[in-house]
PDB file of all heavy atoms in Angstrom:
ATOM      1  N   LEU A   1     -48.800 -18.704   5.224  1.00  0.00           N
ATOM      2  CA  LEU A   1     -48.495 -19.199   6.600  1.00  0.00           C
ATOM      3  C   LEU A   1     -47.039 -18.875   6.874  1.00  0.00           C
ATOM      4  O   LEU A   1     -46.202 -19.772   7.152  1.00  0.00           O
ATOM      5  CB  LEU A   1     -48.801 -20.605   6.725  1.00  0.00           C
ATOM      6  CG  LEU A   1     -49.236 -21.151   8.057  1.00  0.00           C
ATOM      7  CD1 LEU A   1     -50.591 -20.513   8.526  1.00  0.00           C
ATOM      8  CD2 LEU A   1     -49.443 -22.673   8.069  1.00  0.00           C
ATOM      9  N   LYS A   2     -46.699 -17.527   6.877  1.00  0.00           N
ATOM     10  CA  LYS A   2     -45.345 -17.176   6.901  1.00  0.00           C
ATOM     11  C   LYS A   2     -45.172 -16.071   7.960  1.00  0.00           C
ATOM     12  O   LYS A   2     -45.902 -15.123   7.908  1.00  0.00           O
ATOM     13  CB  LYS A   2     -44.832 -16.663   5.539  1.00  0.00           C
ATOM     14  CG  LYS A   2     -43.348 -16.593   5.375  1.00  0.00           C
ATOM     15  CD  LYS A   2     -42.979 -16.198   3.929  1.00  0.00           C
ATOM     16  CE  LYS A   2     -41.479 -16.163   3.779  1.00  0.00           C
ATOM     17  NZ  LYS A   2     -40.996 -15.912   2.485  1.00  0.00           N
ATOM     18  N   PRO A   3     -44.213 -16.233   8.880  1.00  0.00           N
ATOM     19  CA  PRO A   3     -43.286 -17.404   9.103  1.00  0.00           C
ATOM     20  C   PRO A   3     -44.056 -18.501   9.919  1.00  0.00           C
ATOM     21  O   PRO A   3     -44.799 -18.199  10.773  1.00  0.00           O
ATOM     22  CB  PRO A   3     -42.167 -16.826   9.886  1.00  0.00           C
ATOM     23  CG  PRO A   3     -42.794 -15.668  10.712  1.00  0.00           C
ATOM     24  CD  PRO A   3     -43.874 -15.150   9.771  1.00  0.00           C
ATOM     25  N   THR A   4     -43.724 -19.706   9.551  1.00  0.00           N
ATOM     26  CA  THR A   4     -44.490 -20.809  10.112  1.00  0.00           C
ATOM     27  C   THR A   4     -44.186 -20.828  11.625  1.00  0.00           C
ATOM     28  O   THR A   4     -45.081 -21.353  12.443  1.00  0.00           O
ATOM     29  CB  THR A   4     -44.017 -22.219   9.519  1.00  0.00           C
ATOM     30  OG1 THR A   4     -42.637 -22.305   9.523  1.00  0.00           O
ATOM     31  CG2 THR A   4     -44.626 -22.339   8.058  1.00  0.00           C
ATOM     32  N   SER A   5     -43.048 -20.440  12.085  1.00  0.00           N
ATOM     33  CA  SER A   5     -42.705 -20.459  13.507  1.00  0.00           C
ATOM     34  C   SER A   5     -43.637 -19.581  14.212  1.00  0.00           C
ATOM     35  O   SER A   5     -43.897 -19.947  15.518  1.00  0.00           O
ATOM     36  CB  SER A   5     -41.231 -19.972  13.701  1.00  0.00           C
ATOM     37  OG  SER A   5     -41.042 -18.701  13.152  1.00  0.00           O
ATOM     38  N   MET A   6     -44.086 -18.507  13.726  1.00  0.00           N
ATOM     39  CA  MET A   6     -45.005 -17.659  14.510  1.00  0.00           C
ATOM     40  C   MET A   6     -46.313 -18.377  14.769  1.00  0.00           C
ATOM     41  O   MET A   6     -46.851 -18.297  15.865  1.00  0.00           O
ATOM     42  CB  MET A   6     -45.317 -16.358  13.705  1.00  0.00           C
ATOM     43  CG  MET A   6     -46.339 -15.527  14.407  1.00  0.00           C
ATOM     44  SD  MET A   6     -46.809 -13.955  13.501  1.00  0.00           S
ATOM     45  CE  MET A   6     -48.085 -14.634  12.387  1.00  0.00           C
ATOM     46  N   TYR A   7     -46.778 -19.056  13.759  1.00  0.00           N
ATOM     47  CA  TYR A   7     -48.100 -19.799  13.924  1.00  0.00           C
ATOM     48  C   TYR A   7     -47.912 -20.900  14.907  1.00  0.00           C
ATOM     49  O   TYR A   7     -48.841 -21.233  15.798  1.00  0.00           O
ATOM     50  CB  TYR A   7     -48.661 -20.301  12.613  1.00  0.00           C
ATOM     51  CG  TYR A   7     -49.108 -19.122  11.815  1.00  0.00           C
ATOM     52  CD1 TYR A   7     -48.219 -18.551  10.843  1.00  0.00           C
ATOM     53  CD2 TYR A   7     -50.414 -18.654  11.909  1.00  0.00           C
ATOM     54  CE1 TYR A   7     -48.676 -17.419  10.069  1.00  0.00           C
ATOM     55  CE2 TYR A   7     -50.806 -17.519  11.134  1.00  0.00           C
ATOM     56  CZ  TYR A   7     -49.984 -16.950  10.304  1.00  0.00           C
ATOM     57  OH  TYR A   7     -50.320 -15.844   9.576  1.00  0.00           O
ATOM     58  N   ARG A   8     -46.771 -21.569  14.940  1.00  0.00           N
ATOM     59  CA  ARG A   8     -46.502 -22.696  15.923  1.00  0.00           C
ATOM     60  C   ARG A   8     -46.561 -22.011  17.323  1.00  0.00           C
ATOM     61  O   ARG A   8     -47.179 -22.544  18.243  1.00  0.00           O
ATOM     62  CB  ARG A   8     -45.071 -23.211  15.652  1.00  0.00           C
ATOM     63  CG  ARG A   8     -44.604 -24.175  16.756  1.00  0.00           C
ATOM     64  CD  ARG A   8     -43.032 -24.312  16.615  1.00  0.00           C
ATOM     65  NE  ARG A   8     -42.398 -23.070  17.009  1.00  0.00           N
ATOM     66  CZ  ARG A   8     -41.262 -22.656  16.609  1.00  0.00           C
ATOM     67  NH1 ARG A   8     -40.543 -23.401  15.764  1.00  0.00           N
ATOM     68  NH2 ARG A   8     -40.661 -21.525  17.043  1.00  0.00           N
ATOM     69  N   ASP A   9     -45.909 -20.806  17.536  1.00  0.00           N
ATOM     70  CA  ASP A   9     -45.891 -20.262  18.821  1.00  0.00           C
ATOM     71  C   ASP A   9     -47.229 -19.776  19.285  1.00  0.00           C
ATOM     72  O   ASP A   9     -47.712 -20.075  20.323  1.00  0.00           O
ATOM     73  CB  ASP A   9     -44.898 -19.037  18.821  1.00  0.00           C
ATOM     74  CG  ASP A   9     -43.412 -19.463  18.674  1.00  0.00           C
ATOM     75  OD1 ASP A   9     -43.176 -20.716  18.910  1.00  0.00           O
ATOM     76  OD2 ASP A   9     -42.566 -18.694  18.363  1.00  0.00           O
ATOM     77  N   VAL A  10     -47.929 -18.984  18.422  1.00  0.00           N
ATOM     78  CA  VAL A  10     -49.167 -18.265  18.827  1.00  0.00           C
ATOM     79  C   VAL A  10     -50.356 -19.311  19.100  1.00  0.00           C
ATOM     80  O   VAL A  10     -51.224 -19.031  19.854  1.00  0.00           O
ATOM     81  CB  VAL A  10     -49.591 -17.127  18.008  1.00  0.00           C
ATOM     82  CG1 VAL A  10     -48.540 -16.038  17.954  1.00  0.00           C
ATOM     83  CG2 VAL A  10     -50.059 -17.604  16.559  1.00  0.00           C
ATOM     84  N   LEU A  11     -50.232 -20.493  18.390  1.00  0.00           N
ATOM     85  CA  LEU A  11     -51.216 -21.462  18.550  1.00  0.00           C
ATOM     86  C   LEU A  11     -50.884 -22.521  19.585  1.00  0.00           C
ATOM     87  O   LEU A  11     -51.724 -23.398  19.871  1.00  0.00           O
ATOM     88  CB  LEU A  11     -51.504 -22.217  17.159  1.00  0.00           C
ATOM     89  CG  LEU A  11     -52.109 -21.306  16.108  1.00  0.00           C
ATOM     90  CD1 LEU A  11     -52.106 -22.059  14.788  1.00  0.00           C
ATOM     91  CD2 LEU A  11     -53.559 -20.842  16.403  1.00  0.00           C
ATOM     92  N   GLY A  12     -49.677 -22.442  20.168  1.00  0.00           N
ATOM     93  CA  GLY A  12     -49.314 -23.221  21.282  1.00  0.00           C
ATOM     94  C   GLY A  12     -49.056 -24.614  20.857  1.00  0.00           C
ATOM     95  O   GLY A  12     -49.362 -25.521  21.641  1.00  0.00           O
ATOM     96  N   ILE A  13     -48.418 -24.874  19.670  1.00  0.00           N
ATOM     97  CA  ILE A  13     -48.183 -26.276  19.178  1.00  0.00           C
ATOM     98  C   ILE A  13     -46.799 -26.678  19.594  1.00  0.00           C
ATOM     99  O   ILE A  13     -45.796 -25.947  19.406  1.00  0.00           O
ATOM    100  CB  ILE A  13     -48.290 -26.292  17.671  1.00  0.00           C
ATOM    101  CG1 ILE A  13     -49.739 -25.914  17.273  1.00  0.00           C
ATOM    102  CG2 ILE A  13     -47.936 -27.682  17.094  1.00  0.00           C
ATOM    103  CD1 ILE A  13     -50.026 -25.659  15.843  1.00  0.00           C
ATOM    104  N   LYS A  14     -46.725 -27.845  20.279  1.00  0.00           N
ATOM    105  CA  LYS A  14     -45.415 -28.292  20.805  1.00  0.00           C
ATOM    106  C   LYS A  14     -44.664 -29.288  19.873  1.00  0.00           C
ATOM    107  O   LYS A  14     -43.548 -29.191  19.686  1.00  0.00           O
ATOM    108  CB  LYS A  14     -45.637 -28.951  22.197  1.00  0.00           C
ATOM    109  CG  LYS A  14     -46.086 -27.931  23.313  1.00  0.00           C
ATOM    110  CD  LYS A  14     -44.860 -27.000  23.693  1.00  0.00           C
ATOM    111  CE  LYS A  14     -45.262 -25.872  24.493  1.00  0.00           C
ATOM    112  NZ  LYS A  14     -45.423 -24.617  23.835  1.00  0.00           N
ATOM    113  N   LYS A  15     -45.466 -30.272  19.299  1.00  0.00           N
ATOM    114  CA  LYS A  15     -44.789 -31.272  18.499  1.00  0.00           C
ATOM    115  C   LYS A  15     -45.235 -30.968  17.072  1.00  0.00           C
ATOM    116  O   LYS A  15     -46.396 -31.151  16.739  1.00  0.00           O
ATOM    117  CB  LYS A  15     -45.206 -32.662  18.853  1.00  0.00           C
ATOM    118  CG  LYS A  15     -44.631 -33.093  20.275  1.00  0.00           C
ATOM    119  CD  LYS A  15     -44.816 -34.642  20.362  1.00  0.00           C
ATOM    120  CE  LYS A  15     -46.344 -35.033  20.464  1.00  0.00           C
ATOM    121  NZ  LYS A  15     -46.423 -36.480  20.748  1.00  0.00           N
ATOM    122  N   ASN A  16     -44.267 -30.523  16.195  1.00  0.00           N
ATOM    123  CA  ASN A  16     -44.652 -30.187  14.857  1.00  0.00           C
ATOM    124  C   ASN A  16     -43.577 -30.238  13.900  1.00  0.00           C
ATOM    125  O   ASN A  16     -42.299 -30.323  14.262  1.00  0.00           O
ATOM    126  CB  ASN A  16     -45.143 -28.768  14.878  1.00  0.00           C
ATOM    127  CG  ASN A  16     -44.096 -27.681  15.094  1.00  0.00           C
ATOM    128  OD1 ASN A  16     -43.455 -27.702  16.097  1.00  0.00           O
ATOM    129  ND2 ASN A  16     -43.903 -26.878  14.087  1.00  0.00           N
ATOM    130  N   ILE A  17     -43.903 -30.298  12.590  1.00  0.00           N
ATOM    131  CA  ILE A  17     -42.975 -30.290  11.452  1.00  0.00           C
ATOM    132  C   ILE A  17     -43.357 -29.076  10.642  1.00  0.00           C
ATOM    133  O   ILE A  17     -44.565 -28.940  10.342  1.00  0.00           O
ATOM    134  CB  ILE A  17     -42.993 -31.581  10.677  1.00  0.00           C
ATOM    135  CG1 ILE A  17     -42.602 -32.774  11.463  1.00  0.00           C
ATOM    136  CG2 ILE A  17     -42.132 -31.442   9.383  1.00  0.00           C
ATOM    137  CD1 ILE A  17     -43.067 -34.082  10.826  1.00  0.00           C
ATOM    138  N   GLU A  18     -42.409 -28.204  10.327  1.00  0.00           N
ATOM    139  CA  GLU A  18     -42.724 -27.007   9.496  1.00  0.00           C
ATOM    140  C   GLU A  18     -42.159 -27.229   7.998  1.00  0.00           C
ATOM    141  O   GLU A  18     -41.074 -27.562   7.902  1.00  0.00           O
ATOM    142  CB  GLU A  18     -42.130 -25.795  10.070  1.00  0.00           C
ATOM    143  CG  GLU A  18     -42.748 -25.406  11.410  1.00  0.00           C
ATOM    144  CD  GLU A  18     -41.968 -24.357  12.258  1.00  0.00           C
ATOM    145  OE1 GLU A  18     -41.536 -23.359  11.613  1.00  0.00           O
ATOM    146  OE2 GLU A  18     -41.841 -24.525  13.423  1.00  0.00           O
ATOM    147  N   LYS A  19     -43.085 -27.056   7.065  1.00  0.00           N
ATOM    148  CA  LYS A  19     -42.542 -27.200   5.709  1.00  0.00           C
ATOM    149  C   LYS A  19     -43.002 -25.923   4.913  1.00  0.00           C
ATOM    150  O   LYS A  19     -44.130 -25.457   5.060  1.00  0.00           O
ATOM    151  CB  LYS A  19     -43.238 -28.438   5.064  1.00  0.00           C
ATOM    152  CG  LYS A  19     -42.745 -29.676   5.613  1.00  0.00           C
ATOM    153  CD  LYS A  19     -41.486 -30.152   4.946  1.00  0.00           C
ATOM    154  CE  LYS A  19     -41.032 -31.531   5.445  1.00  0.00           C
ATOM    155  NZ  LYS A  19     -39.748 -31.978   4.880  1.00  0.00           N
ATOM    156  N   GLU A  20     -42.130 -25.534   3.957  1.00  0.00           N
ATOM    157  CA  GLU A  20     -42.512 -24.419   3.017  1.00  0.00           C
ATOM    158  C   GLU A  20     -42.237 -24.864   1.604  1.00  0.00           C
ATOM    159  O   GLU A  20     -41.167 -25.403   1.378  1.00  0.00           O
ATOM    160  CB  GLU A  20     -41.619 -23.141   3.459  1.00  0.00           C
ATOM    161  CG  GLU A  20     -42.262 -21.887   2.963  1.00  0.00           C
ATOM    162  CD  GLU A  20     -41.530 -20.727   3.484  1.00  0.00           C
ATOM    163  OE1 GLU A  20     -41.089 -20.647   4.646  1.00  0.00           O
ATOM    164  OE2 GLU A  20     -41.364 -19.676   2.699  1.00  0.00           O
ATOM    165  N   TYR A  21     -43.095 -24.617   0.698  1.00  0.00           N
ATOM    166  CA  TYR A  21     -43.023 -24.985  -0.644  1.00  0.00           C
ATOM    167  C   TYR A  21     -43.129 -23.860  -1.671  1.00  0.00           C
ATOM    168  O   TYR A  21     -43.810 -22.922  -1.373  1.00  0.00           O
ATOM    169  CB  TYR A  21     -44.093 -26.118  -1.055  1.00  0.00           C
ATOM    170  CG  TYR A  21     -44.072 -27.227  -0.083  1.00  0.00           C
ATOM    171  CD1 TYR A  21     -44.973 -27.224   1.045  1.00  0.00           C
ATOM    172  CD2 TYR A  21     -43.361 -28.312  -0.388  1.00  0.00           C
ATOM    173  CE1 TYR A  21     -44.924 -28.388   1.813  1.00  0.00           C
ATOM    174  CE2 TYR A  21     -43.371 -29.480   0.469  1.00  0.00           C
ATOM    175  CZ  TYR A  21     -44.182 -29.522   1.540  1.00  0.00           C
ATOM    176  OH  TYR A  21     -44.208 -30.567   2.423  1.00  0.00           O
ATOM    177  N   PRO A  22     -42.248 -23.861  -2.634  1.00  0.00           N
ATOM    178  CA  PRO A  22     -42.370 -22.874  -3.712  1.00  0.00           C
ATOM    179  C   PRO A  22     -43.688 -22.932  -4.461  1.00  0.00           C
ATOM    180  O   PRO A  22     -44.356 -23.975  -4.462  1.00  0.00           O
ATOM    181  CB  PRO A  22     -41.150 -23.110  -4.633  1.00  0.00           C
ATOM    182  CG  PRO A  22     -40.829 -24.555  -4.460  1.00  0.00           C
ATOM    183  CD  PRO A  22     -41.315 -24.889  -3.063  1.00  0.00           C
ATOM    184  N   SER A  23     -43.923 -21.856  -5.194  1.00  0.00           N
ATOM    185  CA  SER A  23     -45.174 -21.882  -6.044  1.00  0.00           C
ATOM    186  C   SER A  23     -45.033 -22.925  -7.136  1.00  0.00           C
ATOM    187  O   SER A  23     -43.941 -23.000  -7.751  1.00  0.00           O
ATOM    188  CB  SER A  23     -45.434 -20.518  -6.710  1.00  0.00           C
ATOM    189  OG  SER A  23     -46.357 -20.603  -7.673  1.00  0.00           O
ATOM    190  N   PRO A  24     -46.109 -23.751  -7.389  1.00  0.00           N
ATOM    191  CA  PRO A  24     -45.982 -24.722  -8.467  1.00  0.00           C
ATOM    192  C   PRO A  24     -46.232 -24.150  -9.917  1.00  0.00           C
ATOM    193  O   PRO A  24     -46.102 -24.910 -10.845  1.00  0.00           O
ATOM    194  CB  PRO A  24     -47.127 -25.780  -8.033  1.00  0.00           C
ATOM    195  CG  PRO A  24     -48.112 -24.931  -7.389  1.00  0.00           C
ATOM    196  CD  PRO A  24     -47.493 -23.786  -6.724  1.00  0.00           C
ATOM    197  N   PHE A  25     -46.599 -22.927  -9.925  1.00  0.00           N
ATOM    198  CA  PHE A  25     -46.943 -22.249 -11.205  1.00  0.00           C
ATOM    199  C   PHE A  25     -45.649 -21.648 -11.958  1.00  0.00           C
ATOM    200  O   PHE A  25     -44.701 -21.288 -11.284  1.00  0.00           O
ATOM    201  CB  PHE A  25     -48.030 -21.182 -10.958  1.00  0.00           C
ATOM    202  CG  PHE A  25     -49.196 -21.683 -10.272  1.00  0.00           C
ATOM    203  CD1 PHE A  25     -49.859 -20.914  -9.457  1.00  0.00           C
ATOM    204  CD2 PHE A  25     -49.701 -23.028 -10.581  1.00  0.00           C
ATOM    205  CE1 PHE A  25     -51.033 -21.288  -8.712  1.00  0.00           C
ATOM    206  CE2 PHE A  25     -50.881 -23.425  -9.848  1.00  0.00           C
ATOM    207  CZ  PHE A  25     -51.566 -22.564  -8.991  1.00  0.00           C
ATOM    208  N   PRO A  26     -45.714 -21.754 -13.270  1.00  0.00           N
ATOM    209  CA  PRO A  26     -44.562 -21.161 -14.041  1.00  0.00           C
ATOM    210  C   PRO A  26     -44.149 -19.742 -13.651  1.00  0.00           C
ATOM    211  O   PRO A  26     -45.040 -18.885 -13.647  1.00  0.00           O
ATOM    212  CB  PRO A  26     -45.085 -21.221 -15.526  1.00  0.00           C
ATOM    213  CG  PRO A  26     -46.215 -22.104 -15.514  1.00  0.00           C
ATOM    214  CD  PRO A  26     -46.857 -22.021 -14.126  1.00  0.00           C
ATOM    215  N   PRO A  27     -42.846 -19.497 -13.224  1.00  0.00           N
ATOM    216  CA  PRO A  27     -42.420 -18.282 -12.775  1.00  0.00           C
ATOM    217  C   PRO A  27     -42.606 -17.129 -13.875  1.00  0.00           C
ATOM    218  O   PRO A  27     -42.806 -15.994 -13.546  1.00  0.00           O
ATOM    219  CB  PRO A  27     -40.980 -18.419 -12.308  1.00  0.00           C
ATOM    220  CG  PRO A  27     -40.633 -19.728 -12.959  1.00  0.00           C
ATOM    221  CD  PRO A  27     -41.806 -20.591 -13.075  1.00  0.00           C
ATOM    222  N   GLU A  28     -42.438 -17.569 -15.118  1.00  0.00           N
ATOM    223  CA  GLU A  28     -42.571 -16.564 -16.192  1.00  0.00           C
ATOM    224  C   GLU A  28     -43.968 -15.992 -16.367  1.00  0.00           C
ATOM    225  O   GLU A  28     -44.127 -14.995 -17.169  1.00  0.00           O
ATOM    226  CB  GLU A  28     -41.996 -17.234 -17.553  1.00  0.00           C
ATOM    227  CG  GLU A  28     -42.820 -18.303 -18.106  1.00  0.00           C
ATOM    228  CD  GLU A  28     -42.399 -19.698 -17.533  1.00  0.00           C
ATOM    229  OE1 GLU A  28     -41.667 -19.736 -16.539  1.00  0.00           O
ATOM    230  OE2 GLU A  28     -42.830 -20.713 -18.118  1.00  0.00           O
ATOM    231  N   ASN A  29     -44.976 -16.584 -15.771  1.00  0.00           N
ATOM    232  CA  ASN A  29     -46.331 -16.100 -15.890  1.00  0.00           C
ATOM    233  C   ASN A  29     -46.638 -15.020 -14.873  1.00  0.00           C
ATOM    234  O   ASN A  29     -47.687 -14.430 -14.834  1.00  0.00           O
ATOM    235  CB  ASN A  29     -47.307 -17.287 -15.575  1.00  0.00           C
ATOM    236  CG  ASN A  29     -47.434 -18.171 -16.850  1.00  0.00           C
ATOM    237  OD1 ASN A  29     -46.672 -18.049 -17.750  1.00  0.00           O
ATOM    238  ND2 ASN A  29     -48.344 -18.978 -16.840  1.00  0.00           N
TER     239      ASN A  29
END
């Protein structure tokens, strides 16, 4: 869902919170 701002705009959402999280899996894998 990247960038979240695009989905906010194209879906017409006015009141929102945008969050992005890193992968929970070990980076060495």
